[in-house]
Amino acid sequence: MIHCANPVIWLKDHFIDCDFIDKQYFENKTTVYEVLRVIQGVPLFLDAHLKRLIESVVKAGFFLSDSVMSELKPIVIKLINLNHLEKGNLELALVFDSESGALINSLVYSIPVHYPTTEQYQTGVDAMYYYAVRNNPSAKIKDQSLRDAADIIIEKRSLYEVVLVDKYGRVTEGSRSNIFFVKENALFTAPEKMVLNGITRIKVLDIAKSNGIDLQEKPVMYNELNKMDGAFLTGTSPQVLPIRLLEDHSFNPTNEVVMTMMSLYEKMIDNYILSFRY
């Protein structure tokens, strides 16, 4: 069973009260999904999340009617209002029959979430390698086997995240985040074709480009970490989060470029909330 963090959810064509969602809704099916963050009652970067949801559906080989997509935005906003949700995460899930390609269910619901602590933003978090790649990284599709394997390692080692490394030794992304490295004043991150292109990652790339920060979209090799001065994760929940330790390599969590990206991203969020309301 999947716990609903708030009492009202959207299921297929109506709002209902719900404490738990049966996992059978997702089993033996293909689920294309998005997770977005709500701050001060505002769904952050809602249009960008909906755009990527559409792109994921297409890349996964499914079809979605225009009517379903046009309904999702008002559904998200109404669900936030019905739950009086000031902060939290919402999951938008489209469940398809893997064989026929038919849309079986659409769900929007609040999910339990644990955000990084103030201390973690100040001192950084720990991570380690996990030698795996995401299937079809261009589409955001539930990969339960990867998620379960990562969660076991994270819990066993008391980590914040595991970072995926492919068979060539290239550092690609986190199990639920994207990763950036800093060398001097330049940012390095794996190219879009190798990763699940997170909305926060997209926003960080925009920030770097608009502020004249040197950006290199190429993967860092796992044995090149000693050349890097800093590192951070990006994602819906962590936002921009410094890494202090990856395997046995330590980084400076207060690296100037990392701090700049954190500050500029927070400012982007503030501006988005203001523009959404007015």
C-alpha atoms as a PDB file:
ATOM      1  CA  MET A   1       0.000   0.000   0.000  1.00  0.00           C
ATOM      2  CA  ILE A   2       1.145   3.553  -0.756  1.00  0.00           C
ATOM      3  CA  HIS A   3       0.392   6.096   1.954  1.00  0.00           C
ATOM      4  CA  CYS A   4      -1.287   9.321   0.878  1.00  0.00           C
ATOM      5  CA  ALA A   5       0.184  12.278   2.738  1.00  0.00           C
ATOM      6  CA  ASN A   6      -3.085  14.239   2.404  1.00  0.00           C
ATOM      7  CA  PRO A   7      -6.674  12.963   2.476  1.00  0.00           C
ATOM      8  CA  VAL A   8      -7.960  13.990  -0.971  1.00  0.00           C
ATOM      9  CA  ILE A   9      -6.595  12.515  -4.205  1.00  0.00           C
ATOM     10  CA  TRP A  10      -7.554  12.563  -7.878  1.00  0.00           C
ATOM     11  CA  LEU A  11      -8.296   9.107  -9.296  1.00  0.00           C
ATOM     12  CA  LYS A  12      -9.075   8.828 -13.013  1.00  0.00           C
ATOM     13  CA  ASP A  13     -12.023  11.190 -13.230  1.00  0.00           C
ATOM     14  CA  HIS A  14     -12.921  12.458  -9.758  1.00  0.00           C
ATOM     15  CA  PHE A  15     -11.645  13.585  -6.375  1.00  0.00           C
ATOM     16  CA  ILE A  16     -11.955  11.041  -3.564  1.00  0.00           C
ATOM     17  CA  ASP A  17     -10.929  10.687   0.064  1.00  0.00           C
ATOM     18  CA  CYS A  18      -8.101   8.182   0.392  1.00  0.00           C
ATOM     19  CA  ASP A  19      -5.575   7.124   3.049  1.00  0.00           C
ATOM     20  CA  PHE A  20      -3.764   4.495   0.992  1.00  0.00           C
ATOM     21  CA  ILE A  21      -3.386   3.576  -2.685  1.00  0.00           C
ATOM     22  CA  ASP A  22      -3.174  -0.114  -3.532  1.00  0.00           C
ATOM     23  CA  LYS A  23       0.069  -0.948  -5.365  1.00  0.00           C
ATOM     24  CA  GLN A  24      -1.944  -3.100  -7.766  1.00  0.00           C
ATOM     25  CA  TYR A  25      -2.763   0.110  -9.626  1.00  0.00           C
ATOM     26  CA  PHE A  26       0.862   0.092 -10.810  1.00  0.00           C
ATOM     27  CA  GLU A  27       1.878  -3.587 -10.863  1.00  0.00           C
ATOM     28  CA  ASN A  28       2.514  -5.199 -14.258  1.00  0.00           C
ATOM     29  CA  LYS A  29       1.789  -1.897 -15.947  1.00  0.00           C
ATOM     30  CA  THR A  30       3.839   1.048 -17.199  1.00  0.00           C
ATOM     31  CA  THR A  31       3.579   4.203 -15.113  1.00  0.00           C
ATOM     32  CA  VAL A  32       4.741   7.519 -16.518  1.00  0.00           C
ATOM     33  CA  TYR A  33       4.912  10.099 -13.758  1.00  0.00           C
ATOM     34  CA  GLU A  34       6.088  13.436 -12.431  1.00  0.00           C
ATOM     35  CA  VAL A  35       6.764  14.625  -8.905  1.00  0.00           C
ATOM     36  CA  LEU A  36       6.420  18.337  -8.272  1.00  0.00           C
ATOM     37  CA  ARG A  37       6.947  20.417  -5.157  1.00  0.00           C
ATOM     38  CA  VAL A  38       4.445  22.724  -3.520  1.00  0.00           C
ATOM     39  CA  ILE A  39       5.778  25.755  -1.635  1.00  0.00           C
ATOM     40  CA  GLN A  40       3.462  28.339  -0.076  1.00  0.00           C
ATOM     41  CA  GLY A  41       0.561  26.634  -1.828  1.00  0.00           C
ATOM     42  CA  VAL A  42       2.168  27.080  -5.267  1.00  0.00           C
ATOM     43  CA  PRO A  43       3.026  24.083  -7.524  1.00  0.00           C
ATOM     44  CA  LEU A  44       6.586  24.894  -8.592  1.00  0.00           C
ATOM     45  CA  PHE A  45       7.299  24.927 -12.323  1.00  0.00           C
ATOM     46  CA  LEU A  46       3.944  23.276 -13.040  1.00  0.00           C
ATOM     47  CA  ASP A  47       3.961  23.915 -16.787  1.00  0.00           C
ATOM     48  CA  ALA A  48       7.489  22.495 -17.103  1.00  0.00           C
ATOM     49  CA  HIS A  49       6.464  19.327 -15.255  1.00  0.00           C
ATOM     50  CA  LEU A  50       3.386  18.874 -17.442  1.00  0.00           C
ATOM     51  CA  LYS A  51       5.466  19.408 -20.581  1.00  0.00           C
ATOM     52  CA  ARG A  52       7.932  16.727 -19.507  1.00  0.00           C
ATOM     53  CA  LEU A  53       5.056  14.391 -18.608  1.00  0.00           C
ATOM     54  CA  ILE A  54       3.784  14.664 -22.185  1.00  0.00           C
ATOM     55  CA  GLU A  55       7.297  14.095 -23.543  1.00  0.00           C
ATOM     56  CA  SER A  56       7.748  11.013 -21.344  1.00  0.00           C
ATOM     57  CA  VAL A  57       4.449   9.545 -22.557  1.00  0.00           C
ATOM     58  CA  VAL A  58       5.543   9.965 -26.185  1.00  0.00           C
ATOM     59  CA  LYS A  59       9.050   8.611 -25.579  1.00  0.00           C
ATOM     60  CA  ALA A  60       7.576   5.603 -23.776  1.00  0.00           C
ATOM     61  CA  GLY A  61       5.542   4.869 -26.904  1.00  0.00           C
ATOM     62  CA  PHE A  62       2.077   5.743 -25.595  1.00  0.00           C
ATOM     63  CA  PHE A  63      -0.641   8.152 -26.681  1.00  0.00           C
ATOM     64  CA  LEU A  64      -2.462  10.678 -24.522  1.00  0.00           C
ATOM     65  CA  SER A  65      -5.485  12.696 -25.608  1.00  0.00           C
ATOM     66  CA  ASP A  66      -5.353  16.476 -25.436  1.00  0.00           C
ATOM     67  CA  SER A  67      -8.355  16.441 -23.081  1.00  0.00           C
ATOM     68  CA  VAL A  68      -6.467  14.470 -20.409  1.00  0.00           C
ATOM     69  CA  MET A  69      -3.518  16.841 -20.507  1.00  0.00           C
ATOM     70  CA  SER A  70      -5.693  19.964 -20.451  1.00  0.00           C
ATOM     71  CA  GLU A  71      -7.423  18.673 -17.326  1.00  0.00           C
ATOM     72  CA  LEU A  72      -4.267  18.051 -15.301  1.00  0.00           C
ATOM     73  CA  LYS A  73      -3.301  21.648 -14.552  1.00  0.00           C
ATOM     74  CA  PRO A  74      -6.657  22.659 -12.972  1.00  0.00           C
ATOM     75  CA  ILE A  75      -6.770  19.281 -11.192  1.00  0.00           C
ATOM     76  CA  VAL A  76      -3.396  19.965  -9.537  1.00  0.00           C
ATOM     77  CA  ILE A  77      -4.437  23.440  -8.437  1.00  0.00           C
ATOM     78  CA  LYS A  78      -7.814  22.254  -7.115  1.00  0.00           C
ATOM     79  CA  LEU A  79      -6.207  19.340  -5.246  1.00  0.00           C
ATOM     80  CA  ILE A  80      -3.822  21.742  -3.509  1.00  0.00           C
ATOM     81  CA  ASN A  81      -6.789  23.873  -2.451  1.00  0.00           C
ATOM     82  CA  LEU A  82      -8.897  20.909  -1.289  1.00  0.00           C
ATOM     83  CA  ASN A  83      -6.041  19.662   0.898  1.00  0.00           C
ATOM     84  CA  HIS A  84      -5.070  23.173   2.067  1.00  0.00           C
ATOM     85  CA  LEU A  85      -1.567  22.138   1.050  1.00  0.00           C
ATOM     86  CA  GLU A  86       1.064  24.763   1.819  1.00  0.00           C
ATOM     87  CA  LYS A  87       4.107  22.562   1.309  1.00  0.00           C
ATOM     88  CA  GLY A  88       4.756  19.035   0.132  1.00  0.00           C
ATOM     89  CA  ASN A  89       5.208  16.892  -2.954  1.00  0.00           C
ATOM     90  CA  LEU A  90       2.569  15.798  -5.450  1.00  0.00           C
ATOM     91  CA  GLU A  91       2.858  12.818  -7.762  1.00  0.00           C
ATOM     92  CA  LEU A  92       1.118  12.859 -11.133  1.00  0.00           C
ATOM     93  CA  ALA A  93       0.894   9.281 -12.408  1.00  0.00           C
ATOM     94  CA  LEU A  94      -0.434   8.028 -15.745  1.00  0.00           C
ATOM     95  CA  VAL A  95      -0.818   4.246 -15.749  1.00  0.00           C
ATOM     96  CA  PHE A  96      -0.826   2.460 -19.111  1.00  0.00           C
ATOM     97  CA  ASP A  97      -1.472  -1.122 -20.118  1.00  0.00           C
ATOM     98  CA  SER A  98       1.971  -2.233 -21.257  1.00  0.00           C
ATOM     99  CA  GLU A  99       0.627  -4.332 -24.129  1.00  0.00           C
ATOM    100  CA  SER A 100      -2.334  -2.391 -25.545  1.00  0.00           C
ATOM    101  CA  GLY A 101      -0.991   1.053 -24.640  1.00  0.00           C
ATOM    102  CA  ALA A 102      -4.372   2.091 -23.256  1.00  0.00           C
ATOM    103  CA  LEU A 103      -4.509   4.595 -20.411  1.00  0.00           C
ATOM    104  CA  ILE A 104      -5.900   2.680 -17.428  1.00  0.00           C
ATOM    105  CA  ASN A 105      -5.674   5.178 -14.585  1.00  0.00           C
ATOM    106  CA  SER A 106      -4.597   8.737 -13.881  1.00  0.00           C
ATOM    107  CA  LEU A 107      -3.749   9.732 -10.339  1.00  0.00           C
ATOM    108  CA  VAL A 108      -2.663  12.917  -8.582  1.00  0.00           C
ATOM    109  CA  TYR A 109      -1.869  12.629  -4.886  1.00  0.00           C
ATOM    110  CA  SER A 110       0.366  13.890  -2.089  1.00  0.00           C
ATOM    111  CA  ILE A 111       3.298  11.635  -1.255  1.00  0.00           C
ATOM    112  CA  PRO A 112       5.269  11.381   1.993  1.00  0.00           C
ATOM    113  CA  VAL A 113       8.534  13.288   1.744  1.00  0.00           C
ATOM    114  CA  HIS A 114      11.614  14.015   3.831  1.00  0.00           C
ATOM    115  CA  TYR A 115      13.390  17.195   2.815  1.00  0.00           C
ATOM    116  CA  PRO A 116      17.058  17.801   3.630  1.00  0.00           C
ATOM    117  CA  THR A 117      17.672  19.455   6.983  1.00  0.00           C
ATOM    118  CA  THR A 118      19.194  22.894   7.429  1.00  0.00           C
ATOM    119  CA  GLU A 119      22.361  21.173   8.638  1.00  0.00           C
ATOM    120  CA  GLN A 120      22.571  19.063   5.486  1.00  0.00           C
ATOM    121  CA  TYR A 121      22.361  22.180   3.318  1.00  0.00           C
ATOM    122  CA  GLN A 122      25.152  23.709   5.393  1.00  0.00           C
ATOM    123  CA  THR A 123      27.494  20.728   5.740  1.00  0.00           C
ATOM    124  CA  GLY A 124      26.571  18.595   2.733  1.00  0.00           C
ATOM    125  CA  VAL A 125      25.426  14.994   2.417  1.00  0.00           C
ATOM    126  CA  ASP A 126      27.060  11.610   1.861  1.00  0.00           C
ATOM    127  CA  ALA A 127      26.644   9.394  -1.201  1.00  0.00           C
ATOM    128  CA  MET A 128      28.252   6.361  -2.800  1.00  0.00           C
ATOM    129  CA  TYR A 129      28.420   4.745  -6.211  1.00  0.00           C
ATOM    130  CA  TYR A 130      25.917   2.259  -7.559  1.00  0.00           C
ATOM    131  CA  TYR A 131      26.926   0.561 -10.780  1.00  0.00           C
ATOM    132  CA  ALA A 132      23.739   0.673 -12.823  1.00  0.00           C
ATOM    133  CA  VAL A 133      21.989   2.609 -15.583  1.00  0.00           C
ATOM    134  CA  ARG A 134      18.411   3.762 -15.907  1.00  0.00           C
ATOM    135  CA  ASN A 135      16.311   2.128 -18.630  1.00  0.00           C
ATOM    136  CA  ASN A 136      15.139   4.720 -21.160  1.00  0.00           C
ATOM    137  CA  PRO A 137      16.454   7.690 -19.134  1.00  0.00           C
ATOM    138  CA  SER A 138      14.755  10.194 -21.436  1.00  0.00           C
ATOM    139  CA  ALA A 139      11.316   9.165 -20.088  1.00  0.00           C
ATOM    140  CA  LYS A 140      10.267   9.368 -16.440  1.00  0.00           C
ATOM    141  CA  ILE A 141       8.923   5.841 -15.938  1.00  0.00           C
ATOM    142  CA  LYS A 142       8.686   4.017 -12.629  1.00  0.00           C
ATOM    143  CA  ASP A 143      11.609   1.582 -12.277  1.00  0.00           C
ATOM    144  CA  GLN A 144      10.812  -0.230  -9.056  1.00  0.00           C
ATOM    145  CA  SER A 145      13.784  -2.594  -9.175  1.00  0.00           C
ATOM    146  CA  LEU A 146      16.249   0.311  -9.369  1.00  0.00           C
ATOM    147  CA  ARG A 147      14.394   2.210  -6.674  1.00  0.00           C
ATOM    148  CA  ASP A 148      14.312  -0.783  -4.285  1.00  0.00           C
ATOM    149  CA  ALA A 149      18.006  -1.595  -4.799  1.00  0.00           C
ATOM    150  CA  ALA A 150      19.004   2.035  -4.231  1.00  0.00           C
ATOM    151  CA  ASP A 151      16.822   2.374  -1.130  1.00  0.00           C
ATOM    152  CA  ILE A 152      18.391  -0.706   0.456  1.00  0.00           C
ATOM    153  CA  ILE A 153      21.902   0.718   0.023  1.00  0.00           C
ATOM    154  CA  ILE A 154      20.855   4.177   1.213  1.00  0.00           C
ATOM    155  CA  GLU A 155      19.291   2.808   4.381  1.00  0.00           C
ATOM    156  CA  LYS A 156      22.048   0.286   5.103  1.00  0.00           C
ATOM    157  CA  ARG A 157      24.862   2.829   4.680  1.00  0.00           C
ATOM    158  CA  SER A 158      22.981   5.839   6.156  1.00  0.00           C
ATOM    159  CA  LEU A 159      23.420   7.784   2.922  1.00  0.00           C
ATOM    160  CA  TYR A 160      21.386  10.544   1.337  1.00  0.00           C
ATOM    161  CA  GLU A 161      21.746   9.191  -2.215  1.00  0.00           C
ATOM    162  CA  VAL A 162      23.483   6.656  -4.444  1.00  0.00           C
ATOM    163  CA  VAL A 163      25.090   7.912  -7.650  1.00  0.00           C
ATOM    164  CA  LEU A 164      24.839   5.798 -10.790  1.00  0.00           C
ATOM    165  CA  VAL A 165      27.981   4.813 -12.701  1.00  0.00           C
ATOM    166  CA  ASP A 166      27.746   3.050 -16.067  1.00  0.00           C
ATOM    167  CA  LYS A 167      29.907   0.209 -17.368  1.00  0.00           C
ATOM    168  CA  TYR A 168      32.393   2.710 -18.817  1.00  0.00           C
ATOM    169  CA  GLY A 169      32.985   4.339 -15.437  1.00  0.00           C
ATOM    170  CA  ARG A 170      30.992   7.469 -16.279  1.00  0.00           C
ATOM    171  CA  VAL A 171      29.136   9.162 -13.435  1.00  0.00           C
ATOM    172  CA  THR A 172      25.647   9.834 -14.771  1.00  0.00           C
ATOM    173  CA  GLU A 173      23.037  10.765 -12.149  1.00  0.00           C
ATOM    174  CA  GLY A 174      21.591   9.956  -8.743  1.00  0.00           C
ATOM    175  CA  SER A 175      18.922   7.308  -8.227  1.00  0.00           C
ATOM    176  CA  ARG A 176      16.418  10.114  -7.654  1.00  0.00           C
ATOM    177  CA  SER A 177      18.415  13.219  -8.519  1.00  0.00           C
ATOM    178  CA  ASN A 178      20.871  14.730 -10.972  1.00  0.00           C
ATOM    179  CA  ILE A 179      24.462  15.501 -10.078  1.00  0.00           C
ATOM    180  CA  PHE A 180      26.813  18.381 -10.899  1.00  0.00           C
ATOM    181  CA  PHE A 181      30.534  18.720 -10.230  1.00  0.00           C
ATOM    182  CA  VAL A 182      32.580  21.909  -9.863  1.00  0.00           C
ATOM    183  CA  LYS A 183      36.136  22.375 -11.052  1.00  0.00           C
ATOM    184  CA  GLU A 184      37.504  25.842 -10.421  1.00  0.00           C
ATOM    185  CA  ASN A 185      34.682  28.055 -11.772  1.00  0.00           C
ATOM    186  CA  ALA A 186      33.151  25.541 -14.170  1.00  0.00           C
ATOM    187  CA  LEU A 187      30.190  23.174 -13.806  1.00  0.00           C
ATOM    188  CA  PHE A 188      30.278  19.622 -15.163  1.00  0.00           C
ATOM    189  CA  THR A 189      27.276  17.335 -15.612  1.00  0.00           C
ATOM    190  CA  ALA A 190      26.422  14.374 -17.819  1.00  0.00           C
ATOM    191  CA  PRO A 191      24.633  15.297 -21.075  1.00  0.00           C
ATOM    192  CA  GLU A 192      20.855  15.134 -21.325  1.00  0.00           C
ATOM    193  CA  LYS A 193      20.855  11.945 -23.438  1.00  0.00           C
ATOM    194  CA  MET A 194      22.495  10.013 -20.584  1.00  0.00           C
ATOM    195  CA  VAL A 195      20.201  11.057 -17.733  1.00  0.00           C
ATOM    196  CA  LEU A 196      16.644  11.638 -16.654  1.00  0.00           C
ATOM    197  CA  ASN A 197      16.535  15.349 -17.338  1.00  0.00           C
ATOM    198  CA  GLY A 198      15.074  16.635 -14.073  1.00  0.00           C
ATOM    199  CA  ILE A 199      13.175  19.916 -13.966  1.00  0.00           C
ATOM    200  CA  THR A 200      15.523  21.240 -11.278  1.00  0.00           C
ATOM    201  CA  ARG A 201      18.468  20.241 -13.487  1.00  0.00           C
ATOM    202  CA  ILE A 202      16.929  22.170 -16.375  1.00  0.00           C
ATOM    203  CA  LYS A 203      16.489  25.234 -14.168  1.00  0.00           C
ATOM    204  CA  VAL A 204      20.080  25.008 -12.892  1.00  0.00           C
ATOM    205  CA  LEU A 205      21.339  24.823 -16.487  1.00  0.00           C
ATOM    206  CA  ASP A 206      19.277  27.927 -17.303  1.00  0.00           C
ATOM    207  CA  ILE A 207      20.721  29.736 -14.285  1.00  0.00           C
ATOM    208  CA  ALA A 208      24.294  28.835 -15.259  1.00  0.00           C
ATOM    209  CA  LYS A 209      23.820  29.998 -18.845  1.00  0.00           C
ATOM    210  CA  SER A 210      22.075  33.258 -17.938  1.00  0.00           C
ATOM    211  CA  ASN A 211      24.747  34.127 -15.352  1.00  0.00           C
ATOM    212  CA  GLY A 212      27.760  33.380 -17.518  1.00  0.00           C
ATOM    213  CA  ILE A 213      28.875  30.348 -15.527  1.00  0.00           C
ATOM    214  CA  ASP A 214      31.070  27.987 -17.541  1.00  0.00           C
ATOM    215  CA  LEU A 215      29.030  24.837 -18.191  1.00  0.00           C
ATOM    216  CA  GLN A 216      30.421  21.562 -19.549  1.00  0.00           C
ATOM    217  CA  GLU A 217      27.783  18.948 -20.390  1.00  0.00           C
ATOM    218  CA  LYS A 218      29.990  15.896 -20.358  1.00  0.00           C
ATOM    219  CA  PRO A 219      30.267  13.058 -17.841  1.00  0.00           C
ATOM    220  CA  VAL A 220      32.880  12.960 -15.125  1.00  0.00           C
ATOM    221  CA  MET A 221      34.684   9.625 -14.816  1.00  0.00           C
ATOM    222  CA  TYR A 222      34.449   7.906 -11.443  1.00  0.00           C
ATOM    223  CA  ASN A 223      38.247   7.977 -11.119  1.00  0.00           C
ATOM    224  CA  GLU A 224      38.457  11.734 -11.826  1.00  0.00           C
ATOM    225  CA  LEU A 225      36.832  12.950  -8.615  1.00  0.00           C
ATOM    226  CA  ASN A 226      40.165  14.071  -7.203  1.00  0.00           C
ATOM    227  CA  LYS A 227      40.171  16.776  -9.896  1.00  0.00           C
ATOM    228  CA  MET A 228      36.842  18.225  -8.713  1.00  0.00           C
ATOM    229  CA  ASP A 229      36.462  20.944  -6.093  1.00  0.00           C
ATOM    230  CA  GLY A 230      32.773  20.613  -5.319  1.00  0.00           C
ATOM    231  CA  ALA A 231      29.618  18.669  -6.118  1.00  0.00           C
ATOM    232  CA  PHE A 232      25.886  18.990  -5.613  1.00  0.00           C
ATOM    233  CA  LEU A 233      22.642  17.150  -6.252  1.00  0.00           C
ATOM    234  CA  THR A 234      19.555  18.655  -7.846  1.00  0.00           C
ATOM    235  CA  GLY A 235      15.986  17.450  -7.593  1.00  0.00           C
ATOM    236  CA  THR A 236      12.421  18.274  -6.601  1.00  0.00           C
ATOM    237  CA  SER A 237      13.021  17.528  -2.919  1.00  0.00           C
ATOM    238  CA  PRO A 238      16.727  18.390  -2.447  1.00  0.00           C
ATOM    239  CA  GLN A 239      16.581  21.425  -4.769  1.00  0.00           C
ATOM    240  CA  VAL A 240      20.331  22.278  -4.849  1.00  0.00           C
ATOM    241  CA  LEU A 241      22.107  20.227  -2.182  1.00  0.00           C
ATOM    242  CA  PRO A 242      25.889  20.099  -1.571  1.00  0.00           C
ATOM    243  CA  ILE A 243      27.714  16.765  -1.416  1.00  0.00           C
ATOM    244  CA  ARG A 244      30.463  16.481   1.181  1.00  0.00           C
ATOM    245  CA  LEU A 245      31.475  12.849   0.571  1.00  0.00           C
ATOM    246  CA  LEU A 246      31.153  10.585  -2.462  1.00  0.00           C
ATOM    247  CA  GLU A 247      32.723   7.199  -1.794  1.00  0.00           C
ATOM    248  CA  ASP A 248      36.077   8.150  -0.234  1.00  0.00           C
ATOM    249  CA  HIS A 249      36.363  11.560  -1.883  1.00  0.00           C
ATOM    250  CA  SER A 250      35.434  14.633   0.103  1.00  0.00           C
ATOM    251  CA  PHE A 251      34.211  17.950  -1.314  1.00  0.00           C
ATOM    252  CA  ASN A 252      33.934  21.417   0.121  1.00  0.00           C
ATOM    253  CA  PRO A 253      30.181  21.912   0.772  1.00  0.00           C
ATOM    254  CA  THR A 254      30.676  25.683   0.950  1.00  0.00           C
ATOM    255  CA  ASN A 255      32.394  25.883  -2.437  1.00  0.00           C
ATOM    256  CA  GLU A 256      31.696  29.330  -3.895  1.00  0.00           C
ATOM    257  CA  VAL A 257      30.108  28.049  -7.113  1.00  0.00           C
ATOM    258  CA  VAL A 258      27.889  25.624  -5.179  1.00  0.00           C
ATOM    259  CA  MET A 259      26.756  28.414  -2.840  1.00  0.00           C
ATOM    260  CA  THR A 260      26.057  30.667  -5.813  1.00  0.00           C
ATOM    261  CA  MET A 261      23.889  28.036  -7.496  1.00  0.00           C
ATOM    262  CA  MET A 262      21.966  27.458  -4.266  1.00  0.00           C
ATOM    263  CA  SER A 263      21.304  31.173  -3.848  1.00  0.00           C
ATOM    264  CA  LEU A 264      20.294  31.753  -7.464  1.00  0.00           C
ATOM    265  CA  TYR A 265      17.940  28.774  -7.436  1.00  0.00           C
ATOM    266  CA  GLU A 266      16.243  30.009  -4.266  1.00  0.00           C
ATOM    267  CA  LYS A 267      15.793  33.395  -5.933  1.00  0.00           C
ATOM    268  CA  MET A 268      14.274  31.698  -8.994  1.00  0.00           C
ATOM    269  CA  ILE A 269      11.750  29.936  -6.749  1.00  0.00           C
ATOM    270  CA  ASP A 270      10.808  33.200  -5.023  1.00  0.00           C
ATOM    271  CA  ASN A 271      10.257  34.884  -8.385  1.00  0.00           C
ATOM    272  CA  TYR A 272       8.187  31.966  -9.663  1.00  0.00           C
ATOM    273  CA  ILE A 273       5.901  32.030  -6.611  1.00  0.00           C
ATOM    274  CA  LEU A 274       5.320  35.752  -7.059  1.00  0.00           C
ATOM    275  CA  SER A 275       4.598  35.426 -10.779  1.00  0.00           C
ATOM    276  CA  PHE A 276       2.267  32.442 -10.241  1.00  0.00           C
ATOM    277  CA  ARG A 277       0.152  34.368  -7.770  1.00  0.00           C
ATOM    278  CA  TYR A 278       0.016  37.609  -9.687  1.00  0.00           C
END
